[in-house]
Amino acid sequence: MQLAPGSPSLRDVKRPLDHQPESGTTPAEASPTWSNVYRRLFSLAWPIVGVNVLQVLALAVDTAMVGRVPDFESALTGLGYATQLVFLLMVAMIGLTVGTVAFVARAHGAGLHERVDHLLHQATQLTVLLGVGVAVAGNVVAEPLLLALGADDASLGPSLDYLRPLLLGTAFNYLNLLYAAMLRGVGDTRLAFFVALLMNLLNAFFNYGLILGNYGLPALGVEGAALGTVAAQACASLAMFALLNRGAVAGLRARLRLERVDWGLARELLRVGWPAALDMVILNAAFLSIITMLGHIDQLAVGAHAVGLRVQALAFVPGMSISQATGAMVGNALGAGRVEEARRVIRASVVLCFTVMTALALTILLLASPLVELFDVAAGTPMHGYAVTWMELLGYGMPLVGIYISYAGMLQGAGETMTSLKINAVTTCAVQIPLSWLLGFPLGLGVWGVWAAFPLSFVFKAAWGVVEYRRERWARTGVEA
């Protein structure tokens, strides 16, 4: 793609990366004030926080209601294994989403509205194809993968009961992720929030009936949790498509017709997105390694890990949302050639993420036990003790997580996904997984040692993020694209 009108030349980019505003651009537009950057970042991030919280709450509702069925410990353990496998199978969609957002944000920043619409339609078709493929392949490999993770006879049945229906609705889940990401790329995050709110209300309604047998419906337990979630996701994705088709967002319209797949564009999306997909594989491998190690120590620790992940997911949401908003704003700024604005967005993001994640860490450390009890895990039980330990360790690492994910947003917004992959791969494979094994087994720290390596690895990730920001390769990549 050629540089957008008004962008700096490559010579300007490769020297100090300073952008000289085009003729007619005001100083405020070329170099926004700090207050303006913070205001825009917050305005874009808070609906993303809402969307991500609501997505996590959908899983939390499943967990909380499944905790009320007979033999809930086996059911929760099965849910933990199934959830990890769902995350693992989602990696290709994460890559497609990251690639799409990087392209949409820069095209929107450059004022290329027809390209944005083309990206929306092509990404929708690719998402449906991917969702169908994952549904088929996932059901084929579900049982052997769950056994490989360490599921035993008691947890395998509930895992499959939850996983198989959920996989059948994969395309609906993926479309919700795609549309929320597309809206983020064009700076409209509120519509996605309201649709996600609708999805959660429907999810709670369907699950209350299908898990516990209310409204005259059969009590299907974990299978009902999956069916209720799929029904809610289907309603949400269809509602979002209808809104985009009717022009609810200016300059962004979904089209209800099949077109030939633009394989050139698909390859470009793959080029940017596959490192992000592999990034997720590595992240999931880290969690899967934790679950495997925990399974060799105590199966109840696996169930506690699943409960802790629900709380962790909620706690990480604000920081991840700021990171996603950062990626969109950095992409918009680089698409328009405003490198100094991108720098200010990144610095504001680091401060905001660190502050928010530190406040949430203190909250978790103070309220770990009551939070676990919200999932009907009784105080004083082994599962309760394990879950509290996991959450406390997460709390200690959250400020560093905040710093790292700010820089991760910078790299994704600029399309510099290979660098993000390198950071995650090296720290996970060379630090986190070996350290989990060393602390948990040879040094005899057990469950605590297996978990402790996860927050410790973010010391290295945060430091590496600082180095990459100062190198400014991300700026050259973003403008040259």
Protein backbone atom coordinates (compact mmCIF):
# COMPACT_ATOMS: atom_id res chain seq x y z
CA MET A 1 0.00 0.00 0.00
CA GLN A 2 1.24 3.53 -0.70
CA LEU A 3 1.68 6.08 2.04
CA ALA A 4 -1.43 8.06 2.86
CA PRO A 5 -1.54 11.69 1.65
CA GLY A 6 0.26 13.88 4.13
CA SER A 7 2.36 11.03 5.54
CA PRO A 8 6.08 11.58 6.05
CA SER A 9 8.46 10.21 3.48
CA LEU A 10 10.41 7.09 4.34
CA ARG A 11 13.51 9.25 4.67
CA ASP A 12 11.76 11.31 7.37
CA VAL A 13 10.51 8.19 9.07
CA LYS A 14 13.89 6.49 9.19
CA ARG A 15 15.66 9.46 10.69
CA PRO A 16 14.12 10.91 13.87
CA LEU A 17 10.55 9.80 13.02
CA ASP A 18 9.36 13.37 13.44
CA HIS A 19 6.30 14.25 11.43
CA GLN A 20 5.94 17.63 9.80
CA PRO A 21 2.23 18.44 9.52
CA GLU A 22 0.85 18.82 6.07
CA SER A 23 -0.22 22.21 4.82
CA GLY A 24 -3.43 23.30 6.49
CA THR A 25 -2.99 21.06 9.56
CA THR A 26 -3.24 22.94 12.83
CA PRO A 27 -0.65 22.46 15.58
CA ALA A 28 -3.34 20.98 17.84
CA GLU A 29 -4.10 18.34 15.23
CA ALA A 30 -0.44 17.58 14.62
CA SER A 31 0.51 17.40 18.32
CA PRO A 32 -2.54 16.94 20.58
CA THR A 33 -2.31 17.94 24.21
CA TRP A 34 -1.86 15.33 26.91
CA SER A 35 -5.35 16.02 28.25
CA ASN A 36 -6.79 15.44 24.78
CA VAL A 37 -4.89 12.15 24.38
CA TYR A 38 -6.04 10.88 27.79
CA ARG A 39 -9.62 11.92 27.08
CA ARG A 40 -9.69 10.19 23.70
CA LEU A 41 -8.02 7.08 25.08
CA PHE A 42 -10.47 6.87 27.97
CA SER A 43 -13.46 7.57 25.72
CA LEU A 44 -12.48 4.75 23.38
CA ALA A 45 -11.46 2.35 26.16
CA TRP A 46 -14.40 2.42 28.55
CA PRO A 47 -16.91 0.79 26.17
CA ILE A 48 -14.23 -1.80 25.35
CA VAL A 49 -13.93 -2.45 29.08
CA GLY A 50 -17.68 -3.00 29.14
CA VAL A 51 -17.60 -5.36 26.15
CA ASN A 52 -14.75 -7.42 27.57
CA VAL A 53 -16.28 -7.56 31.05
CA LEU A 54 -19.54 -8.75 29.55
CA GLN A 55 -17.74 -11.42 27.52
CA VAL A 56 -16.02 -12.68 30.66
CA LEU A 57 -19.28 -12.51 32.61
CA ALA A 58 -20.87 -14.86 30.10
CA LEU A 59 -18.33 -17.51 31.14
CA ALA A 60 -18.64 -16.50 34.79
CA VAL A 61 -22.41 -17.08 34.63
CA ASP A 62 -21.75 -20.56 33.24
CA THR A 63 -19.31 -21.28 36.06
CA ALA A 64 -21.50 -19.89 38.84
CA MET A 65 -24.60 -21.80 37.71
CA VAL A 66 -22.70 -25.03 37.06
CA GLY A 67 -21.41 -24.70 40.63
CA ARG A 68 -24.99 -25.35 41.77
CA VAL A 69 -25.48 -28.70 40.03
CA PRO A 70 -24.95 -32.09 41.71
CA ASP A 71 -21.33 -33.27 41.67
CA PHE A 72 -20.27 -29.68 41.04
CA GLU A 73 -16.56 -30.31 41.68
CA SER A 74 -16.26 -32.70 38.71
CA ALA A 75 -18.41 -30.36 36.63
CA LEU A 76 -16.21 -27.34 37.42
CA THR A 77 -13.05 -29.32 36.74
CA GLY A 78 -14.49 -30.43 33.38
CA LEU A 79 -15.40 -26.83 32.64
CA GLY A 80 -11.81 -25.81 33.33
CA TYR A 81 -10.39 -28.30 30.83
CA ALA A 82 -13.00 -27.44 28.18
CA THR A 83 -12.45 -23.68 28.54
CA GLN A 84 -8.72 -24.04 28.01
CA LEU A 85 -9.33 -26.05 24.85
CA VAL A 86 -11.77 -23.41 23.53
CA PHE A 87 -9.09 -20.75 24.05
CA LEU A 88 -6.55 -22.93 22.24
CA LEU A 89 -8.84 -23.42 19.24
CA MET A 90 -9.50 -19.66 19.09
CA VAL A 91 -5.97 -18.77 18.08
CA ALA A 92 -6.64 -18.58 14.34
CA MET A 93 -9.51 -16.15 14.95
CA ILE A 94 -7.31 -14.00 17.15
CA GLY A 95 -4.85 -13.75 14.28
CA LEU A 96 -7.57 -12.78 11.82
CA THR A 97 -8.94 -10.18 14.24
CA VAL A 98 -5.56 -8.61 14.96
CA GLY A 99 -4.72 -8.40 11.26
CA THR A 100 -8.12 -6.89 10.45
CA VAL A 101 -7.91 -4.25 13.18
CA ALA A 102 -4.39 -3.23 12.14
CA PHE A 103 -5.54 -2.74 8.53
CA VAL A 104 -8.86 -1.08 9.42
CA ALA A 105 -7.33 1.36 11.90
CA ARG A 106 -4.68 2.55 9.45
CA ALA A 107 -7.12 2.70 6.52
CA HIS A 108 -9.58 4.67 8.66
CA GLY A 109 -6.81 7.03 9.80
CA ALA A 110 -5.85 7.59 6.16
CA GLY A 111 -9.48 8.26 5.16
CA LEU A 112 -9.77 5.19 2.88
CA HIS A 113 -13.46 4.44 3.55
CA GLU A 114 -14.03 2.10 0.61
CA ARG A 115 -11.14 -0.05 1.79
CA VAL A 116 -12.67 -0.20 5.28
CA ASP A 117 -15.95 -1.52 3.83
CA HIS A 118 -14.06 -4.05 1.71
CA LEU A 119 -12.20 -5.24 4.80
CA LEU A 120 -15.47 -5.64 6.71
CA HIS A 121 -17.10 -7.79 4.04
CA GLN A 122 -14.07 -9.96 3.33
CA ALA A 123 -13.31 -10.46 7.03
CA THR A 124 -16.93 -11.49 7.65
CA GLN A 125 -16.73 -14.19 4.96
CA LEU A 126 -13.37 -15.43 6.21
CA THR A 127 -14.67 -15.54 9.79
CA VAL A 128 -17.65 -17.72 8.86
CA LEU A 129 -15.40 -20.11 6.93
CA LEU A 130 -12.98 -20.28 9.84
CA GLY A 131 -15.76 -20.83 12.38
CA VAL A 132 -17.16 -23.78 10.45
CA GLY A 133 -13.69 -25.29 10.08
CA VAL A 134 -12.92 -24.98 13.79
CA ALA A 135 -16.30 -26.48 14.70
CA VAL A 136 -15.65 -29.58 12.60
CA ALA A 137 -11.98 -30.05 13.50
CA GLY A 138 -12.55 -29.23 17.15
CA ASN A 139 -15.18 -31.93 17.59
CA VAL A 140 -12.89 -34.48 15.95
CA VAL A 141 -9.92 -33.81 18.25
CA ALA A 142 -11.83 -32.84 21.41
CA GLU A 143 -11.57 -36.09 23.36
CA PRO A 144 -7.89 -36.92 22.71
CA LEU A 145 -6.86 -33.33 23.46
CA LEU A 146 -8.80 -33.28 26.74
CA LEU A 147 -7.15 -36.55 27.75
CA ALA A 148 -3.76 -35.10 26.81
CA LEU A 149 -4.47 -32.16 29.09
CA GLY A 150 -4.99 -34.56 31.97
CA ALA A 151 -8.77 -34.89 32.20
CA ASP A 152 -9.69 -38.02 34.21
CA ASP A 153 -12.74 -40.26 34.04
CA ALA A 154 -14.76 -37.97 36.30
CA SER A 155 -14.06 -34.74 34.40
CA LEU A 156 -13.95 -36.00 30.79
CA GLY A 157 -17.71 -36.42 30.48
CA PRO A 158 -18.60 -32.91 31.71
CA SER A 159 -15.81 -31.46 29.56
CA LEU A 160 -17.23 -32.99 26.39
CA ASP A 161 -20.81 -32.10 27.35
CA TYR A 162 -19.79 -28.44 27.55
CA LEU A 163 -17.33 -28.38 24.66
CA ARG A 164 -19.22 -30.05 21.82
CA PRO A 165 -22.28 -27.73 21.71
CA LEU A 166 -20.05 -24.71 22.21
CA LEU A 167 -17.93 -25.68 19.22
CA LEU A 168 -20.98 -25.98 16.98
CA GLY A 169 -21.68 -22.28 17.54
CA THR A 170 -18.10 -21.17 16.90
CA ALA A 171 -18.97 -18.96 13.92
CA PHE A 172 -21.38 -16.85 16.01
CA ASN A 173 -18.76 -16.32 18.71
CA TYR A 174 -16.12 -15.38 16.15
CA LEU A 175 -18.41 -12.89 14.38
CA ASN A 176 -19.03 -11.10 17.68
CA LEU A 177 -15.27 -10.80 18.19
CA LEU A 178 -14.74 -9.56 14.64
CA TYR A 179 -17.44 -6.88 14.68
CA ALA A 180 -16.33 -5.53 18.05
CA ALA A 181 -12.77 -5.30 16.69
CA MET A 182 -13.86 -3.61 13.45
CA LEU A 183 -15.82 -0.98 15.38
CA ARG A 184 -12.80 -0.40 17.61
CA GLY A 185 -10.66 0.22 14.52
CA VAL A 186 -12.97 3.02 13.31
CA GLY A 187 -13.29 4.57 16.77
CA ASP A 188 -16.87 3.49 17.56
CA THR A 189 -16.92 1.19 20.59
CA ARG A 190 -20.31 1.97 22.11
CA LEU A 191 -22.42 -0.06 19.70
CA ALA A 192 -20.42 -3.20 20.48
CA PHE A 193 -20.98 -2.55 24.19
CA PHE A 194 -24.76 -2.41 23.87
CA VAL A 195 -24.88 -5.56 21.73
CA ALA A 196 -22.66 -7.36 24.25
CA LEU A 197 -25.03 -6.25 27.02
CA LEU A 198 -27.93 -7.81 25.10
CA MET A 199 -25.93 -11.01 24.65
CA ASN A 200 -25.25 -11.30 28.38
CA LEU A 201 -28.86 -10.77 29.35
CA LEU A 202 -29.89 -13.50 26.92
CA ASN A 203 -27.07 -15.75 28.15
CA ALA A 204 -28.22 -15.46 31.77
CA PHE A 205 -31.83 -16.09 30.74
CA PHE A 206 -31.07 -19.15 28.60
CA ASN A 207 -28.60 -20.63 31.09
CA TYR A 208 -30.92 -20.20 34.05
CA GLY A 209 -33.43 -22.33 32.19
CA LEU A 210 -31.18 -24.91 30.58
CA ILE A 211 -28.61 -25.51 33.35
CA LEU A 212 -30.94 -25.64 36.34
CA GLY A 213 -34.19 -26.68 34.65
CA ASN A 214 -36.25 -23.51 35.10
CA TYR A 215 -39.08 -22.17 32.88
CA GLY A 216 -40.20 -25.78 32.38
CA LEU A 217 -36.97 -26.63 30.50
CA PRO A 218 -34.90 -29.76 31.17
CA ALA A 219 -31.99 -29.44 33.61
CA LEU A 220 -29.06 -30.17 31.27
CA GLY A 221 -26.22 -29.08 33.56
CA VAL A 222 -22.97 -28.25 31.76
CA GLU A 223 -24.50 -29.08 28.37
CA GLY A 224 -27.23 -26.52 29.05
CA ALA A 225 -24.55 -23.93 29.84
CA ALA A 226 -23.06 -24.41 26.38
CA LEU A 227 -26.42 -24.38 24.58
CA GLY A 228 -27.53 -21.21 26.37
CA THR A 229 -24.28 -19.46 25.54
CA VAL A 230 -24.45 -20.42 21.85
CA ALA A 231 -28.05 -19.19 21.59
CA ALA A 232 -27.08 -15.83 23.09
CA GLN A 233 -24.03 -15.50 20.80
CA ALA A 234 -26.16 -16.23 17.74
CA CYS A 235 -28.70 -13.55 18.66
CA ALA A 236 -25.93 -10.99 19.27
CA SER A 237 -24.03 -11.62 16.03
CA LEU A 238 -27.20 -11.47 13.93
CA ALA A 239 -28.28 -8.24 15.65
CA MET A 240 -24.87 -6.65 15.01
CA PHE A 241 -24.90 -7.64 11.34
CA ALA A 242 -28.40 -6.20 10.92
CA LEU A 243 -27.33 -2.90 12.52
CA LEU A 244 -24.24 -2.61 10.33
CA ASN A 245 -26.26 -3.54 7.25
CA ARG A 246 -28.66 -0.66 7.98
CA GLY A 247 -25.86 1.88 8.39
CA ALA A 248 -25.84 2.22 12.19
CA VAL A 249 -22.17 3.28 11.97
CA ALA A 250 -21.34 6.02 9.48
CA GLY A 251 -18.99 4.86 6.74
CA LEU A 252 -19.23 1.19 7.72
CA ARG A 253 -21.84 -1.03 6.07
CA ALA A 254 -22.16 -4.81 6.08
CA ARG A 255 -23.44 -6.41 2.86
CA LEU A 256 -25.65 -9.48 2.70
CA ARG A 257 -24.21 -11.14 -0.39
CA LEU A 258 -21.48 -13.57 -1.25
CA GLU A 259 -18.41 -12.28 -3.04
CA ARG A 260 -15.29 -13.94 -4.32
CA VAL A 261 -12.77 -14.16 -1.53
CA ASP A 262 -9.99 -11.59 -1.98
CA TRP A 263 -7.10 -13.99 -1.47
CA GLY A 264 -4.55 -11.20 -1.84
CA LEU A 265 -6.11 -9.42 1.11
CA ALA A 266 -6.44 -12.70 2.99
CA ARG A 267 -2.70 -13.28 2.60
CA GLU A 268 -1.95 -9.77 3.87
CA LEU A 269 -4.21 -10.32 6.88
CA LEU A 270 -2.45 -13.62 7.47
CA ARG A 271 0.96 -11.98 7.23
CA VAL A 272 0.09 -9.56 10.04
CA GLY A 273 -2.19 -11.89 11.96
CA TRP A 274 -0.32 -15.19 12.08
CA PRO A 275 2.27 -13.99 14.59
CA ALA A 276 -0.60 -12.86 16.84
CA ALA A 277 -2.24 -16.26 16.39
CA LEU A 278 1.00 -18.04 17.27
CA ASP A 279 1.32 -15.62 20.18
CA MET A 280 -1.97 -16.99 21.49
CA VAL A 281 -0.80 -20.56 20.93
CA ILE A 282 2.21 -19.84 23.11
CA LEU A 283 0.08 -18.13 25.76
CA ASN A 284 -2.30 -21.08 25.79
CA ALA A 285 0.63 -23.47 25.89
CA ALA A 286 1.77 -21.68 29.02
CA PHE A 287 -1.64 -22.14 30.65
CA LEU A 288 -1.92 -25.71 29.39
CA SER A 289 1.47 -26.47 30.88
CA ILE A 290 0.23 -25.07 34.18
CA ILE A 291 -2.91 -27.24 34.06
CA THR A 292 -0.88 -30.33 33.16
CA MET A 293 1.51 -29.75 36.05
CA LEU A 294 -1.38 -29.06 38.43
CA GLY A 295 -3.10 -32.27 37.29
CA HIS A 296 -0.05 -34.24 38.39
CA ILE A 297 -0.22 -32.64 41.82
CA ASP A 298 -3.96 -32.42 42.63
CA GLN A 299 -7.04 -32.47 40.36
CA LEU A 300 -8.76 -29.99 42.70
CA ALA A 301 -6.06 -27.47 41.83
CA VAL A 302 -7.23 -27.66 38.19
CA GLY A 303 -10.77 -26.75 39.29
CA ALA A 304 -9.38 -23.93 41.42
CA HIS A 305 -7.38 -22.73 38.42
CA ALA A 306 -10.62 -22.51 36.40
CA VAL A 307 -12.30 -20.44 39.13
CA GLY A 308 -9.26 -18.20 39.44
CA LEU A 309 -9.14 -17.70 35.67
CA ARG A 310 -12.68 -16.27 35.78
CA VAL A 311 -11.61 -13.67 38.32
CA GLN A 312 -8.31 -13.08 36.52
CA ALA A 313 -10.11 -12.53 33.24
CA LEU A 314 -12.32 -9.88 34.85
CA ALA A 315 -9.36 -8.22 36.58
CA PHE A 316 -7.29 -8.09 33.40
CA VAL A 317 -10.15 -6.64 31.35
CA PRO A 318 -9.55 -2.91 32.04
CA GLY A 319 -5.87 -3.13 31.17
CA MET A 320 -6.48 -5.25 28.08
CA SER A 321 -9.19 -2.84 26.98
CA ILE A 322 -6.86 0.12 27.29
CA SER A 323 -4.32 -1.89 25.29
CA GLN A 324 -6.89 -2.54 22.56
CA ALA A 325 -7.84 1.14 22.46
CA THR A 326 -4.13 1.97 22.29
CA GLY A 327 -3.72 -0.28 19.26
CA ALA A 328 -6.62 1.40 17.46
CA MET A 329 -5.38 4.93 18.22
CA VAL A 330 -1.78 4.11 17.31
CA GLY A 331 -2.99 2.58 14.03
CA ASN A 332 -5.14 5.64 13.24
CA ALA A 333 -2.26 8.00 14.00
CA LEU A 334 0.30 6.07 11.96
CA GLY A 335 -2.15 5.68 9.08
CA ALA A 336 -2.36 9.48 8.93
CA GLY A 337 1.43 9.83 9.39
CA ARG A 338 1.17 11.45 12.85
CA VAL A 339 4.05 9.68 14.60
CA GLU A 340 4.34 12.12 17.52
CA GLU A 341 0.68 11.61 18.31
CA ALA A 342 1.27 7.85 18.37
CA ARG A 343 4.12 8.34 20.84
CA ARG A 344 1.88 10.36 23.16
CA VAL A 345 -0.86 7.74 22.98
CA ILE A 346 1.62 5.03 24.01
CA ARG A 347 3.03 7.00 26.94
CA ALA A 348 -0.47 7.84 28.15
CA SER A 349 -1.45 4.19 27.81
CA VAL A 350 1.46 3.01 29.97
CA VAL A 351 0.56 5.42 32.77
CA LEU A 352 -3.14 4.61 32.60
CA CYS A 353 -2.65 0.83 32.40
CA PHE A 354 -0.16 0.74 35.28
CA THR A 355 -2.44 2.83 37.49
CA VAL A 356 -5.58 0.84 36.77
CA MET A 357 -3.93 -2.58 37.11
CA THR A 358 -2.26 -1.60 40.39
CA ALA A 359 -5.60 -0.50 41.85
CA LEU A 360 -7.21 -3.77 40.75
CA ALA A 361 -4.29 -5.77 42.17
CA LEU A 362 -4.83 -4.22 45.59
CA THR A 363 -8.52 -5.05 45.39
CA ILE A 364 -7.82 -8.69 44.56
CA LEU A 365 -5.26 -9.06 47.32
CA LEU A 366 -7.75 -7.69 49.86
CA LEU A 367 -10.82 -9.58 48.64
CA ALA A 368 -9.43 -12.86 47.26
CA SER A 369 -11.35 -15.11 49.65
CA PRO A 370 -14.80 -13.48 49.26
CA LEU A 371 -14.37 -13.42 45.49
CA VAL A 372 -13.75 -17.17 45.40
CA GLU A 373 -16.82 -17.76 47.58
CA LEU A 374 -18.97 -16.01 44.94
CA PHE A 375 -18.48 -19.18 42.86
CA ASP A 376 -20.00 -21.31 45.65
CA VAL A 377 -16.60 -22.62 46.69
CA ALA A 378 -16.84 -22.96 50.47
CA ALA A 379 -14.16 -21.34 52.63
CA GLY A 380 -11.80 -23.80 54.26
CA THR A 381 -12.01 -26.38 51.45
CA PRO A 382 -8.87 -27.39 49.50
CA MET A 383 -10.30 -25.88 46.29
CA HIS A 384 -10.91 -22.56 48.08
CA GLY A 385 -7.35 -22.48 49.38
CA TYR A 386 -5.90 -23.21 45.97
CA ALA A 387 -8.03 -20.57 44.23
CA VAL A 388 -7.09 -17.88 46.76
CA THR A 389 -3.39 -18.70 46.32
CA TRP A 390 -3.67 -18.40 42.52
CA MET A 391 -5.47 -15.07 42.73
CA GLU A 392 -2.97 -13.61 45.20
CA LEU A 393 -0.06 -14.51 42.94
CA LEU A 394 -1.84 -12.89 40.02
CA GLY A 395 -2.40 -9.76 42.08
CA TYR A 396 1.31 -9.34 42.79
CA GLY A 397 2.11 -9.42 39.06
CA MET A 398 -0.67 -7.19 37.74
CA PRO A 399 1.19 -3.82 37.74
CA LEU A 400 3.88 -5.32 35.48
CA VAL A 401 1.17 -6.87 33.32
CA GLY A 402 -0.26 -3.36 32.86
CA ILE A 403 3.07 -2.03 31.57
CA TYR A 404 3.59 -4.91 29.16
CA ILE A 405 0.12 -4.93 27.60
CA SER A 406 0.41 -1.21 26.84
CA TYR A 407 3.40 -1.94 24.65
CA ALA A 408 1.63 -5.00 23.21
CA GLY A 409 -1.16 -2.66 22.06
CA MET A 410 1.44 -0.39 20.47
CA LEU A 411 2.96 -3.29 18.52
CA GLN A 412 -0.38 -4.62 17.32
CA GLY A 413 -1.63 -1.19 16.25
CA ALA A 414 1.52 -0.70 14.20
CA GLY A 415 1.29 -4.18 12.67
CA GLU A 416 4.58 -5.13 14.34
CA THR A 417 3.20 -8.48 15.47
CA MET A 418 6.43 -10.43 14.93
CA THR A 419 8.09 -8.46 17.72
CA SER A 420 5.21 -9.20 20.08
CA LEU A 421 5.51 -12.87 19.19
CA LYS A 422 9.24 -12.86 19.88
CA ILE A 423 8.75 -11.33 23.34
CA ASN A 424 6.06 -13.81 24.32
CA ALA A 425 7.79 -16.86 22.85
CA VAL A 426 11.14 -16.25 24.51
CA THR A 427 9.77 -15.34 27.94
CA THR A 428 7.24 -18.19 27.96
CA CYS A 429 9.50 -20.95 26.67
CA ALA A 430 12.74 -19.85 28.32
CA VAL A 431 11.40 -18.41 31.58
CA GLN A 432 7.83 -19.25 32.56
CA ILE A 433 7.42 -22.95 31.71
CA PRO A 434 10.88 -24.05 32.95
CA LEU A 435 10.46 -21.95 36.08
CA SER A 436 7.03 -23.47 36.79
CA TRP A 437 8.52 -26.96 36.61
CA LEU A 438 11.60 -26.01 38.67
CA LEU A 439 9.62 -24.34 41.45
CA GLY A 440 6.80 -26.85 41.47
CA PHE A 441 8.73 -30.13 41.40
CA PRO A 442 12.53 -30.13 42.02
CA LEU A 443 12.28 -27.32 44.58
CA GLY A 444 9.16 -28.88 46.11
CA LEU A 445 6.93 -25.77 46.16
CA GLY A 446 4.04 -27.67 44.58
CA VAL A 447 0.99 -25.76 43.37
CA TRP A 448 2.35 -22.42 44.58
CA GLY A 449 5.55 -22.85 42.60
CA VAL A 450 3.75 -23.88 39.40
CA TRP A 451 1.62 -20.74 39.53
CA ALA A 452 4.30 -18.29 40.72
CA ALA A 453 6.26 -18.42 37.46
CA PHE A 454 3.41 -16.78 35.52
CA PRO A 455 3.55 -13.33 37.19
CA LEU A 456 7.35 -13.52 37.42
CA SER A 457 7.62 -13.82 33.63
CA PHE A 458 6.10 -10.36 33.20
CA VAL A 459 9.21 -8.78 34.69
CA PHE A 460 11.01 -9.76 31.48
CA LYS A 461 8.07 -8.92 29.21
CA ALA A 462 7.65 -5.40 30.61
CA ALA A 463 11.38 -4.64 30.32
CA TRP A 464 11.47 -5.88 26.73
CA GLY A 465 8.43 -3.72 25.88
CA VAL A 466 10.30 -0.61 27.06
CA VAL A 467 13.24 -1.50 24.83
CA GLU A 468 11.04 -1.95 21.76
CA TYR A 469 9.28 1.38 22.33
CA ARG A 470 12.60 3.19 22.42
CA ARG A 471 13.86 1.45 19.25
CA GLU A 472 10.84 2.88 17.36
CA ARG A 473 10.79 0.16 14.74
CA TRP A 474 7.03 0.04 15.37
CA ALA A 475 6.71 3.60 13.99
CA ARG A 476 8.58 2.80 10.78
CA THR A 477 6.49 -0.32 10.22
CA GLY A 478 3.21 1.48 10.83
CA VAL A 479 3.89 4.43 8.51
CA GLU A 480 5.47 2.37 5.73
CA ALA A 481 2.35 0.13 5.64
